[in-house]
Amino acid sequence: MDIKKFKNGKIKMSIQKDYDIENDGSINENVYHDDMFMSDLSLNQINGYMYITDYNTQLVYELGSYLMQNPLKFLLEELEEKHTLYFYPLNKKESRSLLQDLENGY
């Protein structure tokens, strides 16, 4: 997966066809561990909702509701279908509050 972070906080995720796609057409799950981890991005549940957090920039990105069973599977399926995803950060105040809640175990 190719991950590009923009100065305004936006994140672009796109798949690399020769590297990320398995023989059966699915996306290799190692993209989370390899590419997202190396970009300081992680999936976290905070207050019952799923978010992508960037500890390096202290920004948080909405991913989905508490109804989401498997956020990694959702992310991979969306990438498989659309090939490119964009995420826009919550504002700094909301991001700080959510990261504090995560630290406090909510």
C-alpha atoms as a PDB file:
ATOM      1  CA  MET A   1       0.000   0.000   0.000  1.00  0.00           C
ATOM      2  CA  ASP A   2       1.202   3.452  -0.783  1.00  0.00           C
ATOM      3  CA  ILE A   3       0.424   5.970   1.955  1.00  0.00           C
ATOM      4  CA  LYS A   4       0.890   9.668   1.356  1.00  0.00           C
ATOM      5  CA  LYS A   5       0.413  12.255   4.087  1.00  0.00           C
ATOM      6  CA  PHE A   6      -0.360  15.793   3.011  1.00  0.00           C
ATOM      7  CA  LYS A   7       0.531  18.971   4.912  1.00  0.00           C
ATOM      8  CA  ASN A   8      -3.150  19.681   5.621  1.00  0.00           C
ATOM      9  CA  GLY A   9      -3.411  16.305   7.404  1.00  0.00           C
ATOM     10  CA  LYS A  10      -5.207  14.467   4.623  1.00  0.00           C
ATOM     11  CA  ILE A  11      -4.068  10.882   4.019  1.00  0.00           C
ATOM     12  CA  LYS A  12      -4.162   9.079   0.692  1.00  0.00           C
ATOM     13  CA  MET A  13      -4.030   5.281   0.734  1.00  0.00           C
ATOM     14  CA  SER A  14      -3.705   3.377  -2.520  1.00  0.00           C
ATOM     15  CA  ILE A  15      -2.809  -0.184  -3.375  1.00  0.00           C
ATOM     16  CA  GLN A  16       0.215  -1.192  -5.388  1.00  0.00           C
ATOM     17  CA  LYS A  17      -1.091  -3.816  -7.783  1.00  0.00           C
ATOM     18  CA  ASP A  18       2.115  -5.808  -8.121  1.00  0.00           C
ATOM     19  CA  TYR A  19       2.848  -5.866  -4.389  1.00  0.00           C
ATOM     20  CA  ASP A  20      -0.397  -5.742  -2.412  1.00  0.00           C
ATOM     21  CA  ILE A  21      -2.772  -7.982  -4.358  1.00  0.00           C
ATOM     22  CA  GLU A  22      -2.815 -11.744  -3.811  1.00  0.00           C
ATOM     23  CA  ASN A  23      -3.430 -14.330  -6.536  1.00  0.00           C
ATOM     24  CA  ASP A  24      -7.116 -14.574  -5.579  1.00  0.00           C
ATOM     25  CA  GLY A  25      -7.587 -10.805  -6.029  1.00  0.00           C
ATOM     26  CA  SER A  26      -7.713  -9.968  -2.327  1.00  0.00           C
ATOM     27  CA  ILE A  27      -5.357  -7.525  -0.667  1.00  0.00           C
ATOM     28  CA  ASN A  28      -2.549  -8.883   1.482  1.00  0.00           C
ATOM     29  CA  GLU A  29      -3.326  -8.184   5.157  1.00  0.00           C
ATOM     30  CA  ASN A  30       0.339  -7.447   5.820  1.00  0.00           C
ATOM     31  CA  VAL A  31      -0.223  -3.962   4.401  1.00  0.00           C
ATOM     32  CA  TYR A  32      -1.598  -3.002   7.800  1.00  0.00           C
ATOM     33  CA  HIS A  33       1.399  -4.286   9.712  1.00  0.00           C
ATOM     34  CA  ASP A  34       3.981  -3.141   7.188  1.00  0.00           C
ATOM     35  CA  ASP A  35       2.759   0.018   5.499  1.00  0.00           C
ATOM     36  CA  MET A  36       0.411   1.530   8.070  1.00  0.00           C
ATOM     37  CA  PHE A  37       2.729   0.796  10.988  1.00  0.00           C
ATOM     38  CA  MET A  38       5.682   2.324   9.189  1.00  0.00           C
ATOM     39  CA  SER A  39       3.577   5.447   8.564  1.00  0.00           C
ATOM     40  CA  ASP A  40       2.694   5.721  12.290  1.00  0.00           C
ATOM     41  CA  LEU A  41      -0.960   4.881  11.582  1.00  0.00           C
ATOM     42  CA  SER A  42      -3.026   2.476  13.640  1.00  0.00           C
ATOM     43  CA  LEU A  43      -6.623   1.370  14.006  1.00  0.00           C
ATOM     44  CA  ASN A  44      -8.147   2.128  17.408  1.00  0.00           C
ATOM     45  CA  GLN A  45     -11.538   1.911  19.028  1.00  0.00           C
ATOM     46  CA  ILE A  46     -12.294   5.014  21.061  1.00  0.00           C
ATOM     47  CA  ASN A  47     -15.603   5.537  22.835  1.00  0.00           C
ATOM     48  CA  GLY A  48     -17.151   2.716  20.795  1.00  0.00           C
ATOM     49  CA  TYR A  49     -16.170   4.082  17.378  1.00  0.00           C
ATOM     50  CA  MET A  50     -13.328   3.097  15.071  1.00  0.00           C
ATOM     51  CA  TYR A  51     -10.629   5.586  14.136  1.00  0.00           C
ATOM     52  CA  ILE A  52      -7.307   5.710  12.379  1.00  0.00           C
ATOM     53  CA  THR A  53      -4.828   7.458  14.630  1.00  0.00           C
ATOM     54  CA  ASP A  54      -1.566   9.091  13.655  1.00  0.00           C
ATOM     55  CA  TYR A  55       0.581   9.434  16.760  1.00  0.00           C
ATOM     56  CA  ASN A  56       3.270  11.297  14.870  1.00  0.00           C
ATOM     57  CA  THR A  57       1.004  14.209  13.929  1.00  0.00           C
ATOM     58  CA  GLN A  58      -1.495  13.681  16.795  1.00  0.00           C
ATOM     59  CA  LEU A  59      -4.382  13.537  14.304  1.00  0.00           C
ATOM     60  CA  VAL A  60      -7.403  11.230  14.321  1.00  0.00           C
ATOM     61  CA  TYR A  61      -9.468  10.095  11.314  1.00  0.00           C
ATOM     62  CA  GLU A  62     -13.016   8.690  11.476  1.00  0.00           C
ATOM     63  CA  LEU A  63     -13.355   5.172  10.151  1.00  0.00           C
ATOM     64  CA  GLY A  64     -16.741   3.856  11.221  1.00  0.00           C
ATOM     65  CA  SER A  65     -19.293   3.151  13.898  1.00  0.00           C
ATOM     66  CA  TYR A  66     -19.516   0.574  16.638  1.00  0.00           C
ATOM     67  CA  LEU A  67     -21.362  -1.662  14.165  1.00  0.00           C
ATOM     68  CA  MET A  68     -18.117  -2.315  12.300  1.00  0.00           C
ATOM     69  CA  GLN A  69     -17.131  -5.915  13.018  1.00  0.00           C
ATOM     70  CA  ASN A  70     -13.617  -5.914  11.574  1.00  0.00           C
ATOM     71  CA  PRO A  71     -12.119  -2.519  10.685  1.00  0.00           C
ATOM     72  CA  LEU A  72      -9.075  -4.001   8.936  1.00  0.00           C
ATOM     73  CA  LYS A  73     -11.282  -6.155   6.713  1.00  0.00           C
ATOM     74  CA  PHE A  74     -13.466  -3.111   5.963  1.00  0.00           C
ATOM     75  CA  LEU A  75     -10.402  -1.046   5.042  1.00  0.00           C
ATOM     76  CA  LEU A  76      -8.966  -3.778   2.815  1.00  0.00           C
ATOM     77  CA  GLU A  77     -12.314  -4.366   1.068  1.00  0.00           C
ATOM     78  CA  GLU A  78     -12.715  -0.643   0.402  1.00  0.00           C
ATOM     79  CA  LEU A  79      -9.194  -0.489  -1.050  1.00  0.00           C
ATOM     80  CA  GLU A  80      -9.884  -3.582  -3.137  1.00  0.00           C
ATOM     81  CA  GLU A  81     -13.018  -1.971  -4.566  1.00  0.00           C
ATOM     82  CA  LYS A  82     -11.880   1.639  -4.966  1.00  0.00           C
ATOM     83  CA  HIS A  83      -8.045   1.255  -5.164  1.00  0.00           C
ATOM     84  CA  THR A  84      -7.598   4.670  -3.494  1.00  0.00           C
ATOM     85  CA  LEU A  85      -9.014   6.053  -0.254  1.00  0.00           C
ATOM     86  CA  TYR A  86      -8.731   9.516   1.261  1.00  0.00           C
ATOM     87  CA  PHE A  87      -9.058  10.283   4.948  1.00  0.00           C
ATOM     88  CA  TYR A  88      -9.508  13.766   6.359  1.00  0.00           C
ATOM     89  CA  PRO A  89      -8.518  14.502   9.966  1.00  0.00           C
ATOM     90  CA  LEU A  90     -10.803  15.699  12.675  1.00  0.00           C
ATOM     91  CA  ASN A  91      -9.858  19.127  13.967  1.00  0.00           C
ATOM     92  CA  LYS A  92      -6.976  19.421  16.448  1.00  0.00           C
ATOM     93  CA  LYS A  93      -9.260  19.846  19.468  1.00  0.00           C
ATOM     94  CA  GLU A  94     -11.324  16.735  18.646  1.00  0.00           C
ATOM     95  CA  SER A  95      -8.178  14.755  17.856  1.00  0.00           C
ATOM     96  CA  ARG A  96      -6.561  15.729  21.168  1.00  0.00           C
ATOM     97  CA  SER A  97      -9.715  14.826  23.081  1.00  0.00           C
ATOM     98  CA  LEU A  98     -10.008  11.420  21.383  1.00  0.00           C
ATOM     99  CA  LEU A  99      -6.334  10.617  21.913  1.00  0.00           C
ATOM    100  CA  GLN A 100      -6.779  11.526  25.595  1.00  0.00           C
ATOM    101  CA  ASP A 101      -9.809   9.224  25.789  1.00  0.00           C
ATOM    102  CA  LEU A 102      -7.765   6.451  24.160  1.00  0.00           C
ATOM    103  CA  GLU A 103      -4.983   6.981  26.679  1.00  0.00           C
ATOM    104  CA  ASN A 104      -7.529   6.816  29.503  1.00  0.00           C
ATOM    105  CA  GLY A 105      -8.974   3.560  28.166  1.00  0.00           C
ATOM    106  CA  TYR A 106     -12.315   4.731  26.798  1.00  0.00           C
END
